[in-house]
Amino acid sequence: MLDNETKVQLKQYLELLESDIEFKASLDESESSNKVREFLTSVCELSPRLTLVESSLKRTPSFEVNHPGQTSGISFAGLPLGHEFSSFILALLQVSGRAPKVEESVIKTIKKIDQPLSFETFVSLTCHNCPDVVQALNIMSVVNPNISHTMIEGGMYQDEVDDKKVMAVPTVFLNDEEFSSGRMELSTILEKILGSVDISDIDQENSYDVLVIGGGPAGGAAAIYAARKGIRTGMVVDTFGGQVMDTLGIENVIGTPYIEGPQLMNKVEEHVNQYNVDIMKNQQATDIQKNEFVEVSLKSGAVIKTKSLVISTGARWRNINVPGEKEFKNKGIAYCPHCDGPLFAGKDIAVIGGGNSGIEAAIDLAGMGKHVYVLEFLPELKADKVLQDKLYSLPNVTVITNAATKSIEGTDSVESLVYEDVVTKEEHRLDVKGVFILIGLIPNTEWLPEMIDTTNRGEIIVDDHGMTNIPGIFAAGDCTNSAYKQIVISMGSGATAALGAFDYLIRQ
């Protein structure tokens, strides 16, 4: 189950354990239990500090990660492999006594929670967003004895997934009620529980030289370039990483043949943290005013002053705006085939969008689903030829061009999709359980004041230095009118905007 290379790496981590760990496992003679038993036995063989004790727990197979004779609150129902292997390793280290790598203020906030909270997170092992949520909830469980958390591997608990109508991962239940669906950072979870955001650390009196709004590739690059100039730099981010966090394989970052989106943005955040940059997470900008300073209003109530501003709020998946789209989001409608695809194994699926993203999704889903229908509004697909060739080679894929989606229908979840042939005007119905929408991106600029010029698509218009029509206000990345939306281009435009802001400041 664990290859030799993985065992070598794991053994190195186990040498960092600060105390003994006991796996309290609930197992029977089923195939799933035997897999979990084999996994735990293999892990225990790598360190004398690990022991396995069988017991009875809520789910079988499952296991707790505890100090001997104690309960940590962390459980795994199923195998913590794939993307969750890192969650397993971190749980071992943190339960053993190694401090989680979060700010002391966050630890104090977690300790303030005085009511019992029992979290359960349904994941798929191919989901690259799930570990963020699992690891955040595990940290909360380690820090506060009132909190417990169980990771549930959906593939091993398919009946429970069906009973609870889990159709997107990660999906979190709190005290048996659905709490959230989708990637969340620890700060977002705490805000959702406590109902407020602590803005006491936000300096509203002193101004920044450069303030960056957005934590994607453009925002990260802008912050690094600004900070390297030795000027006071701040970042306002909802969640660090942006749209790239929803990207799995990236093969076109120059000098890096392959990296996954979350890994890349973790490296970018680590790079930013090497400089004196104030990162204000879980904050959303709501308005911009230009007076003596540029003043940025936040949803939390704070107003931040800055001498120059870089807007790098990125973009999000475009909606198709048809009946059923909002109603069935995360109930059959999805956007990430890597995360949610396994939930539709053996089922009929529709993919809306014939560009690279849509065709890549269809190829991935064809390996899991029973049949995949690709719907493209235009007379032909727009994806690269190499992707089209691969798609057409798959026996369980049907491509439908000239297709305008009219509605997505169902009761509690998606049951069918209705589309119109734009040539004949005839309507057709596809009986599908999942609909993946990948029709391009829309810039996150609807909150901007009218004083900032944008295109008719909402993209911020910038010059060669990244500056908008307002002196001192710059923009970068996918929220601008750049001709191409690519990670490396966003990083470059972030650097350009920061350098442009610096040149603006020295000329004032």
Protein backbone atom coordinates (compact mmCIF):
# COMPACT_ATOMS: atom_id res chain seq x y z
CA MET A 1 0.00 0.00 0.00
CA LEU A 2 2.87 2.35 0.83
CA ASP A 3 5.77 2.11 -1.60
CA ASN A 4 9.37 2.14 -0.37
CA GLU A 5 9.96 5.77 -1.29
CA THR A 6 6.85 6.87 0.64
CA LYS A 7 7.91 4.81 3.64
CA VAL A 8 11.33 6.46 3.66
CA GLN A 9 9.77 9.92 3.57
CA LEU A 10 7.20 9.04 6.22
CA LYS A 11 9.86 7.61 8.52
CA GLN A 12 11.68 10.93 8.38
CA TYR A 13 8.54 12.75 9.49
CA LEU A 14 7.91 10.21 12.26
CA GLU A 15 11.30 11.03 13.73
CA LEU A 16 9.82 14.46 14.53
CA LEU A 17 7.14 13.01 16.84
CA GLU A 18 7.38 14.56 20.30
CA SER A 19 5.42 11.85 22.14
CA ASP A 20 3.86 8.42 21.64
CA ILE A 21 0.81 8.05 19.40
CA GLU A 22 -1.91 5.43 19.64
CA PHE A 23 -4.18 4.56 16.72
CA LYS A 24 -7.55 3.57 18.15
CA ALA A 25 -9.15 1.70 15.26
CA SER A 26 -12.61 0.31 14.61
CA LEU A 27 -12.17 -2.58 12.18
CA ASP A 28 -13.95 -5.74 11.05
CA GLU A 29 -13.18 -8.36 8.40
CA SER A 30 -14.44 -6.37 5.42
CA GLU A 31 -12.19 -5.50 2.50
CA SER A 32 -12.25 -1.82 3.46
CA SER A 33 -11.24 -2.60 7.05
CA ASN A 34 -8.44 -4.84 5.85
CA LYS A 35 -7.08 -1.96 3.78
CA VAL A 36 -7.15 0.37 6.77
CA ARG A 37 -5.58 -2.32 8.99
CA GLU A 38 -2.82 -2.87 6.43
CA PHE A 39 -2.19 0.86 6.21
CA LEU A 40 -1.99 1.39 9.98
CA THR A 41 0.16 -1.69 10.49
CA SER A 42 2.60 -0.48 7.83
CA VAL A 43 2.81 2.93 9.48
CA CYS A 44 3.33 1.48 12.97
CA GLU A 45 6.24 -0.61 11.70
CA LEU A 46 8.11 2.62 10.91
CA SER A 47 8.34 3.96 14.46
CA PRO A 48 8.37 2.50 17.99
CA ARG A 49 6.32 5.50 19.09
CA LEU A 50 3.25 4.22 17.21
CA THR A 51 0.84 1.55 18.41
CA LEU A 52 -2.42 0.14 17.07
CA VAL A 53 -5.33 -0.71 19.39
CA GLU A 54 -8.65 -2.00 18.08
CA SER A 55 -11.88 -0.69 19.57
CA SER A 56 -15.43 0.29 18.59
CA LEU A 57 -16.08 3.71 17.04
CA LYS A 58 -18.96 5.44 15.27
CA ARG A 59 -17.83 4.22 11.86
CA THR A 60 -16.12 1.05 10.70
CA PRO A 61 -13.51 1.26 9.33
CA SER A 62 -12.14 4.36 11.06
CA PHE A 63 -9.42 5.31 13.51
CA GLU A 64 -8.54 8.02 16.00
CA VAL A 65 -5.11 9.60 16.42
CA ASN A 66 -4.54 9.88 20.18
CA HIS A 67 -2.09 10.10 23.00
CA PRO A 68 -2.21 6.67 24.72
CA GLY A 69 -5.27 6.58 26.95
CA GLN A 70 -6.53 9.99 25.76
CA THR A 71 -8.73 11.35 22.97
CA SER A 72 -7.44 14.05 20.62
CA GLY A 73 -10.67 14.62 18.72
CA ILE A 74 -9.11 13.74 15.35
CA SER A 75 -10.47 10.77 13.41
CA PHE A 76 -10.10 9.37 9.90
CA ALA A 77 -12.90 7.28 8.42
CA GLY A 78 -11.29 5.53 5.48
CA LEU A 79 -7.80 5.77 4.09
CA PRO A 80 -5.99 9.13 4.36
CA LEU A 81 -4.06 8.68 1.13
CA GLY A 82 -3.79 10.79 -2.01
CA HIS A 83 -4.01 14.47 -1.17
CA GLU A 84 -5.02 13.61 2.40
CA PHE A 85 -1.75 11.88 3.22
CA SER A 86 -0.32 15.25 4.25
CA SER A 87 -3.34 15.74 6.56
CA PHE A 88 -2.54 12.42 8.21
CA ILE A 89 1.12 13.31 8.74
CA LEU A 90 0.30 16.73 10.18
CA ALA A 91 -2.27 15.16 12.52
CA LEU A 92 0.38 12.80 13.89
CA LEU A 93 2.84 15.60 14.49
CA GLN A 94 0.32 17.97 16.06
CA VAL A 95 -1.25 15.38 18.33
CA SER A 96 2.27 14.42 19.45
CA GLY A 97 2.84 17.97 20.61
CA ARG A 98 4.29 19.94 17.70
CA ALA A 99 2.62 23.35 17.51
CA PRO A 100 0.50 24.08 14.42
CA LYS A 101 1.95 26.73 12.13
CA VAL A 102 -0.71 29.39 12.69
CA GLU A 103 -0.63 32.80 14.35
CA GLU A 104 -0.92 32.96 18.13
CA SER A 105 -3.96 35.21 17.76
CA VAL A 106 -5.72 32.43 15.84
CA ILE A 107 -4.85 29.90 18.56
CA LYS A 108 -6.34 32.23 21.18
CA THR A 109 -9.51 32.61 19.10
CA ILE A 110 -9.92 28.84 18.78
CA LYS A 111 -9.50 28.40 22.54
CA LYS A 112 -12.33 30.88 23.16
CA ILE A 113 -14.91 28.48 21.65
CA ASP A 114 -16.80 27.07 24.64
CA GLN A 115 -19.53 24.94 23.02
CA PRO A 116 -19.12 21.35 21.76
CA LEU A 117 -18.51 21.24 18.00
CA SER A 118 -18.44 17.93 16.17
CA PHE A 119 -17.24 18.34 12.56
CA GLU A 120 -17.33 15.75 9.80
CA THR A 121 -15.76 16.42 6.40
CA PHE A 122 -16.53 14.34 3.32
CA VAL A 123 -13.57 14.28 0.94
CA SER A 124 -12.33 12.57 -2.16
CA LEU A 125 -8.67 11.58 -2.25
CA THR A 126 -8.22 13.33 -5.60
CA CYS A 127 -9.48 16.66 -4.23
CA HIS A 128 -6.68 19.21 -3.88
CA ASN A 129 -8.89 21.63 -1.92
CA CYS A 130 -10.04 19.16 0.72
CA PRO A 131 -6.79 19.08 2.74
CA ASP A 132 -7.08 22.80 3.52
CA VAL A 133 -10.38 22.19 5.28
CA VAL A 134 -9.35 18.90 6.91
CA GLN A 135 -6.13 20.36 8.28
CA ALA A 136 -7.86 23.51 9.57
CA LEU A 137 -10.47 21.49 11.46
CA ASN A 138 -7.80 19.12 12.78
CA ILE A 139 -5.90 22.10 14.19
CA MET A 140 -9.06 23.30 15.92
CA SER A 141 -9.52 19.82 17.43
CA VAL A 142 -5.94 19.70 18.72
CA VAL A 143 -6.15 23.18 20.25
CA ASN A 144 -9.62 22.98 21.83
CA PRO A 145 -10.99 19.83 23.58
CA ASN A 146 -14.54 21.02 22.86
CA ILE A 147 -13.96 20.37 19.16
CA SER A 148 -13.70 17.09 17.26
CA HIS A 149 -13.27 16.34 13.58
CA THR A 150 -13.59 13.27 11.36
CA MET A 151 -12.34 13.09 7.79
CA ILE A 152 -14.65 10.76 5.81
CA GLU A 153 -13.32 9.31 2.56
CA GLY A 154 -16.34 9.40 0.28
CA GLY A 155 -15.26 6.47 -1.86
CA MET A 156 -15.29 4.15 1.15
CA TYR A 157 -18.57 5.55 2.50
CA GLN A 158 -20.56 5.86 -0.71
CA ASP A 159 -23.85 4.90 0.97
CA GLU A 160 -23.47 7.72 3.48
CA VAL A 161 -22.53 10.09 0.69
CA ASP A 162 -25.75 9.16 -1.12
CA ASP A 163 -27.90 9.32 2.03
CA LYS A 164 -26.65 12.81 2.91
CA LYS A 165 -26.78 13.90 -0.73
CA VAL A 166 -23.15 14.98 -0.75
CA MET A 167 -22.43 16.07 -4.33
CA ALA A 168 -19.37 18.24 -3.87
CA VAL A 169 -16.22 18.03 -1.79
CA PRO A 170 -15.17 19.08 0.69
CA THR A 171 -18.59 19.12 2.38
CA VAL A 172 -18.54 19.76 6.11
CA PHE A 173 -21.22 18.80 8.60
CA LEU A 174 -21.33 20.39 12.06
CA ASN A 175 -23.28 18.52 14.74
CA ASP A 176 -25.00 16.51 11.95
CA GLU A 177 -26.14 19.63 10.03
CA GLU A 178 -24.53 20.75 6.77
CA PHE A 179 -22.09 23.53 7.61
CA SER A 180 -20.32 24.38 4.35
CA SER A 181 -19.19 23.12 0.98
CA GLY A 182 -15.99 24.08 -0.79
CA ARG A 183 -12.50 25.17 0.15
CA MET A 184 -12.16 27.30 3.28
CA GLU A 185 -9.27 28.66 5.28
CA LEU A 186 -9.11 28.45 9.06
CA SER A 187 -9.98 32.13 9.41
CA THR A 188 -13.11 31.66 7.30
CA ILE A 189 -14.26 28.72 9.44
CA LEU A 190 -13.78 30.75 12.61
CA GLU A 191 -15.68 33.69 11.17
CA LYS A 192 -18.54 31.38 10.21
CA ILE A 193 -18.66 29.99 13.76
CA LEU A 194 -18.11 33.20 15.70
CA GLY A 195 -19.93 35.53 13.34
CA SER A 196 -17.31 38.29 13.24
CA VAL A 197 -13.81 39.08 12.06
CA ASP A 198 -11.19 40.59 14.32
CA ILE A 199 -9.96 43.77 12.61
CA SER A 200 -7.95 45.03 15.56
CA ASP A 201 -4.67 44.28 13.78
CA ILE A 202 -5.58 46.41 10.78
CA ASP A 203 -3.79 49.76 10.96
CA GLN A 204 -6.36 52.36 9.92
CA GLU A 205 -4.28 55.38 10.96
CA ASN A 206 -0.98 54.97 9.14
CA SER A 207 -0.92 54.65 5.37
CA TYR A 208 0.78 52.05 3.20
CA ASP A 209 3.01 52.96 0.32
CA VAL A 210 1.49 50.13 -1.73
CA LEU A 211 -1.63 48.17 -0.88
CA VAL A 212 -2.43 45.06 -2.93
CA ILE A 213 -6.00 43.76 -3.13
CA GLY A 214 -6.06 40.05 -3.99
CA GLY A 215 -3.89 37.06 -3.16
CA GLY A 216 -3.53 35.23 -6.47
CA PRO A 217 -0.43 35.06 -8.70
CA ALA A 218 -0.70 38.74 -9.68
CA GLY A 219 -1.22 39.90 -6.10
CA GLY A 220 1.60 37.76 -4.77
CA ALA A 221 4.03 39.02 -7.39
CA ALA A 222 2.99 42.63 -6.81
CA ALA A 223 3.53 42.32 -3.04
CA ILE A 224 6.97 40.74 -3.48
CA TYR A 225 8.15 43.35 -5.97
CA ALA A 226 6.83 46.21 -3.85
CA ALA A 227 8.33 44.89 -0.62
CA ARG A 228 11.71 44.37 -2.29
CA LYS A 229 11.77 48.12 -2.97
CA GLY A 230 11.79 48.68 0.81
CA ILE A 231 8.44 50.44 0.92
CA ARG A 232 5.56 49.72 3.32
CA THR A 233 3.42 47.03 1.68
CA GLY A 234 0.10 45.51 2.66
CA MET A 235 -2.19 42.86 1.17
CA VAL A 236 -5.95 42.52 1.52
CA VAL A 237 -7.01 38.97 0.63
CA ASP A 238 -10.15 36.92 1.01
CA THR A 239 -8.22 33.65 0.74
CA PHE A 240 -4.62 33.51 -0.39
CA GLY A 241 -4.22 31.69 -3.69
CA GLY A 242 -7.13 32.84 -5.79
CA GLN A 243 -8.43 30.88 -8.78
CA VAL A 244 -5.20 28.86 -9.00
CA MET A 245 -6.23 26.97 -5.85
CA ASP A 246 -8.88 25.26 -8.02
CA THR A 247 -6.30 24.16 -10.60
CA LEU A 248 -4.71 20.74 -10.37
CA GLY A 249 -1.93 20.05 -12.86
CA ILE A 250 0.02 23.09 -14.10
CA GLU A 251 2.61 22.35 -16.77
CA ASN A 252 3.32 25.78 -18.27
CA VAL A 253 5.00 27.71 -15.45
CA ILE A 254 8.40 28.30 -16.96
CA GLY A 255 11.12 26.31 -15.22
CA THR A 256 8.59 24.11 -13.41
CA PRO A 257 7.48 21.21 -15.64
CA TYR A 258 4.68 20.20 -13.28
CA ILE A 259 3.13 21.59 -10.11
CA GLU A 260 -0.35 21.61 -8.60
CA GLY A 261 -2.20 24.86 -8.00
CA PRO A 262 -2.29 24.75 -4.18
CA GLN A 263 1.41 23.83 -4.09
CA LEU A 264 2.31 26.76 -6.31
CA MET A 265 0.34 29.28 -4.29
CA ASN A 266 1.70 27.91 -1.02
CA LYS A 267 5.17 28.63 -2.40
CA VAL A 268 4.06 32.12 -3.43
CA GLU A 269 2.69 32.79 0.06
CA GLU A 270 5.92 31.50 1.63
CA HIS A 271 7.83 33.84 -0.67
CA VAL A 272 5.68 36.83 0.33
CA ASN A 273 6.19 35.97 4.00
CA GLN A 274 9.94 36.35 3.57
CA TYR A 275 9.35 40.09 3.32
CA ASN A 276 7.78 42.62 5.65
CA VAL A 277 4.31 42.46 4.11
CA ASP A 278 1.16 42.89 6.20
CA ILE A 279 -1.24 40.19 4.96
CA MET A 280 -4.83 40.83 6.06
CA LYS A 281 -6.72 37.60 5.36
CA ASN A 282 -10.44 36.95 5.27
CA GLN A 283 -11.04 40.54 4.20
CA GLN A 284 -13.04 41.79 1.24
CA ALA A 285 -12.75 45.23 -0.35
CA THR A 286 -16.07 46.95 -1.03
CA ASP A 287 -15.14 50.44 -2.27
CA ILE A 288 -12.27 52.71 -3.30
CA GLN A 289 -12.09 56.48 -2.87
CA LYS A 290 -9.30 58.79 -4.05
CA ASN A 291 -8.67 61.73 -1.72
CA GLU A 292 -5.31 62.77 -0.28
CA PHE A 293 -4.69 59.02 -0.07
CA VAL A 294 -6.38 56.12 -1.81
CA GLU A 295 -8.89 54.84 0.74
CA VAL A 296 -10.04 51.22 0.56
CA SER A 297 -13.18 50.26 2.47
CA LEU A 298 -13.49 46.68 3.71
CA LYS A 299 -16.58 44.59 4.39
CA SER A 300 -15.39 44.28 8.00
CA GLY A 301 -15.77 48.05 8.48
CA ALA A 302 -12.12 49.02 8.29
CA VAL A 303 -10.83 51.74 5.96
CA ILE A 304 -7.21 51.40 4.85
CA LYS A 305 -5.23 54.33 3.51
CA THR A 306 -2.49 53.87 0.93
CA LYS A 307 -0.39 56.10 -1.30
CA SER A 308 -0.80 53.69 -4.21
CA LEU A 309 -3.02 50.69 -4.89
CA VAL A 310 -2.74 47.50 -6.96
CA ILE A 311 -6.04 45.77 -7.73
CA SER A 312 -5.52 42.08 -8.48
CA THR A 313 -8.86 40.50 -7.63
CA GLY A 314 -8.71 37.92 -10.42
CA ALA A 315 -11.69 36.19 -11.95
CA ARG A 316 -14.20 33.44 -11.27
CA TRP A 317 -16.01 30.84 -13.34
CA ARG A 318 -18.69 32.36 -15.53
CA ASN A 319 -22.30 31.36 -14.88
CA ILE A 320 -24.64 30.22 -17.63
CA ASN A 321 -27.60 31.97 -15.95
CA VAL A 322 -30.28 29.37 -16.60
CA PRO A 323 -33.03 28.02 -14.30
CA GLY A 324 -31.61 25.47 -11.88
CA GLU A 325 -28.04 26.72 -11.87
CA LYS A 326 -28.23 28.42 -8.47
CA GLU A 327 -30.59 25.88 -6.98
CA PHE A 328 -28.38 22.88 -7.72
CA LYS A 329 -24.95 24.35 -7.05
CA ASN A 330 -23.06 21.63 -5.13
CA LYS A 331 -26.10 19.42 -5.65
CA GLY A 332 -25.01 18.11 -9.02
CA ILE A 333 -23.59 21.30 -10.51
CA ALA A 334 -19.83 21.48 -10.14
CA TYR A 335 -16.78 23.25 -11.52
CA CYS A 336 -13.80 21.08 -10.53
CA PRO A 337 -13.61 17.60 -12.09
CA HIS A 338 -10.61 16.62 -9.97
CA CYS A 339 -12.41 17.41 -6.71
CA ASP A 340 -15.98 16.37 -7.44
CA GLY A 341 -15.57 13.91 -10.31
CA PRO A 342 -15.27 10.81 -8.09
CA LEU A 343 -18.71 11.56 -6.62
CA PHE A 344 -20.21 10.89 -10.05
CA ALA A 345 -18.50 7.57 -10.69
CA GLY A 346 -20.65 5.34 -12.88
CA LYS A 347 -23.13 8.13 -13.62
CA ASP A 348 -24.03 10.13 -16.72
CA ILE A 349 -22.45 13.60 -16.73
CA ALA A 350 -22.71 16.74 -18.85
CA VAL A 351 -19.86 19.19 -19.41
CA ILE A 352 -20.80 22.65 -20.65
CA GLY A 353 -17.94 24.28 -22.52
CA GLY A 354 -15.80 23.28 -25.49
CA GLY A 355 -12.64 25.21 -24.64
CA ASN A 356 -9.49 23.73 -23.12
CA SER A 357 -10.91 23.69 -19.58
CA GLY A 358 -14.12 21.97 -20.65
CA ILE A 359 -12.43 19.34 -22.79
CA GLU A 360 -9.79 18.60 -20.16
CA ALA A 361 -12.63 18.11 -17.67
CA ALA A 362 -14.53 15.83 -20.05
CA ILE A 363 -11.44 13.66 -20.58
CA ASP A 364 -10.94 13.30 -16.84
CA LEU A 365 -14.61 12.60 -16.16
CA ALA A 366 -14.79 9.98 -18.91
CA GLY A 367 -12.48 7.84 -16.80
CA MET A 368 -14.95 7.94 -13.90
CA GLY A 369 -18.43 8.43 -15.29
CA LYS A 370 -20.65 6.11 -17.26
CA HIS A 371 -21.11 8.55 -20.14
CA VAL A 372 -20.05 12.16 -20.69
CA TYR A 373 -21.89 14.66 -22.89
CA VAL A 374 -19.96 17.74 -24.01
CA LEU A 375 -22.13 20.73 -24.92
CA GLU A 376 -20.67 23.58 -26.98
CA PHE A 377 -22.70 26.61 -28.08
CA LEU A 378 -20.61 27.20 -31.23
CA PRO A 379 -20.55 24.95 -34.33
CA GLU A 380 -17.19 23.47 -33.29
CA LEU A 381 -15.06 22.93 -30.22
CA LYS A 382 -12.55 25.66 -29.30
CA ALA A 383 -10.04 23.45 -27.46
CA ASP A 384 -6.53 22.67 -28.71
CA LYS A 385 -6.40 19.95 -31.35
CA VAL A 386 -4.41 17.57 -29.15
CA LEU A 387 -7.19 17.69 -26.55
CA GLN A 388 -9.90 17.21 -29.17
CA ASP A 389 -8.10 14.19 -30.60
CA LYS A 390 -7.94 12.62 -27.16
CA LEU A 391 -11.59 13.40 -26.48
CA TYR A 392 -12.84 11.88 -29.73
CA SER A 393 -10.85 8.72 -29.01
CA LEU A 394 -12.93 7.98 -25.91
CA PRO A 395 -15.83 5.57 -26.42
CA ASN A 396 -18.09 6.99 -23.68
CA VAL A 397 -18.13 10.63 -24.81
CA THR A 398 -20.69 12.38 -26.99
CA VAL A 399 -19.95 15.87 -28.34
CA ILE A 400 -22.97 18.08 -29.02
CA THR A 401 -22.27 21.37 -30.82
CA ASN A 402 -24.72 24.22 -31.51
CA ALA A 403 -26.16 23.49 -28.07
CA ALA A 404 -27.63 26.26 -25.90
CA THR A 405 -28.38 25.09 -22.36
CA LYS A 406 -31.93 26.14 -21.39
CA SER A 407 -32.36 24.68 -17.89
CA ILE A 408 -31.01 22.23 -15.34
CA GLU A 409 -33.74 20.27 -13.63
CA GLY A 410 -34.30 17.94 -10.71
CA THR A 411 -35.83 17.69 -7.25
CA ASP A 412 -33.20 17.53 -4.50
CA SER A 413 -30.33 17.26 -6.98
CA VAL A 414 -29.63 17.37 -10.71
CA GLU A 415 -31.64 14.87 -12.75
CA SER A 416 -31.56 16.29 -16.27
CA LEU A 417 -30.37 19.06 -18.56
CA VAL A 418 -32.43 20.67 -21.31
CA TYR A 419 -30.68 22.23 -24.30
CA GLU A 420 -31.79 23.81 -27.56
CA ASP A 421 -30.21 23.18 -30.94
CA VAL A 422 -29.43 26.75 -32.05
CA VAL A 423 -29.83 25.76 -35.72
CA THR A 424 -33.05 23.72 -35.66
CA LYS A 425 -34.48 25.32 -32.47
CA GLU A 426 -35.45 21.85 -31.24
CA GLU A 427 -35.20 21.13 -27.53
CA HIS A 428 -33.55 17.99 -26.17
CA ARG A 429 -33.24 16.51 -22.70
CA LEU A 430 -30.24 14.66 -21.28
CA ASP A 431 -30.75 12.49 -18.21
CA VAL A 432 -27.61 13.31 -16.22
CA LYS A 433 -26.71 13.37 -12.53
CA GLY A 434 -23.91 15.91 -12.80
CA VAL A 435 -23.30 19.10 -14.75
CA PHE A 436 -19.81 20.60 -14.88
CA ILE A 437 -19.78 24.22 -16.08
CA LEU A 438 -16.54 25.45 -17.65
CA ILE A 439 -17.30 28.32 -20.02
CA GLY A 440 -14.57 30.77 -19.13
CA LEU A 441 -13.97 33.41 -16.49
CA ILE A 442 -15.55 36.70 -15.43
CA PRO A 443 -13.47 39.38 -13.65
CA ASN A 444 -14.13 40.11 -9.97
CA THR A 445 -14.65 43.82 -10.52
CA GLU A 446 -18.35 44.45 -9.95
CA TRP A 447 -17.56 46.12 -6.60
CA LEU A 448 -15.35 48.83 -8.14
CA PRO A 449 -16.51 52.46 -8.25
CA GLU A 450 -17.47 53.92 -11.62
CA MET A 451 -14.44 56.22 -11.60
CA ILE A 452 -12.23 53.27 -12.66
CA ASP A 453 -12.56 52.58 -16.38
CA THR A 454 -13.39 49.03 -17.45
CA THR A 455 -14.25 47.27 -20.69
CA ASN A 456 -17.79 46.18 -21.47
CA ARG A 457 -16.83 42.82 -19.95
CA GLY A 458 -15.82 44.42 -16.66
CA GLU A 459 -12.06 44.13 -17.21
CA ILE A 460 -9.99 46.98 -15.74
CA ILE A 461 -8.24 48.98 -18.46
CA VAL A 462 -4.53 49.49 -17.73
CA ASP A 463 -1.60 51.07 -19.55
CA ASP A 464 1.91 49.71 -20.15
CA HIS A 465 2.82 50.42 -16.53
CA GLY A 466 -0.26 48.69 -15.15
CA MET A 467 -1.92 51.97 -14.17
CA THR A 468 -5.64 52.62 -14.52
CA ASN A 469 -7.16 55.93 -15.57
CA ILE A 470 -6.81 57.08 -11.93
CA PRO A 471 -3.24 58.14 -11.04
CA GLY A 472 -1.86 55.98 -8.24
CA ILE A 473 -4.32 53.14 -8.82
CA PHE A 474 -2.91 50.14 -10.70
CA ALA A 475 -4.31 46.72 -11.64
CA ALA A 476 -2.89 43.35 -12.63
CA GLY A 477 -3.87 39.83 -13.61
CA ASP A 478 -7.11 38.30 -14.81
CA CYS A 479 -9.22 41.26 -13.63
CA THR A 480 -7.60 43.46 -16.30
CA ASN A 481 -7.90 43.74 -20.07
CA SER A 482 -4.80 41.60 -20.64
CA ALA A 483 -5.08 39.69 -23.89
CA TYR A 484 -4.30 36.30 -22.31
CA LYS A 485 -5.29 34.87 -18.95
CA GLN A 486 -2.34 32.77 -17.82
CA ILE A 487 -0.56 32.31 -14.50
CA VAL A 488 2.83 33.48 -15.76
CA ILE A 489 1.25 36.50 -17.43
CA SER A 490 -0.57 37.39 -14.21
CA MET A 491 2.67 37.17 -12.25
CA GLY A 492 4.39 39.39 -14.79
CA SER A 493 1.60 41.94 -14.73
CA GLY A 494 1.72 41.96 -10.91
CA ALA A 495 5.41 42.78 -11.06
CA THR A 496 4.73 45.47 -13.68
CA ALA A 497 2.03 47.08 -11.55
CA ALA A 498 4.27 47.11 -8.45
CA LEU A 499 7.14 48.67 -10.38
CA GLY A 500 4.72 51.16 -11.88
CA ALA A 501 3.44 52.04 -8.40
CA PHE A 502 7.01 52.52 -7.15
CA ASP A 503 7.84 54.83 -10.08
CA TYR A 504 4.63 56.76 -9.37
CA LEU A 505 5.59 57.21 -5.70
CA ILE A 506 9.09 58.52 -6.37
CA ARG A 507 7.69 61.12 -8.77
CA GLN A 508 5.24 62.55 -6.23
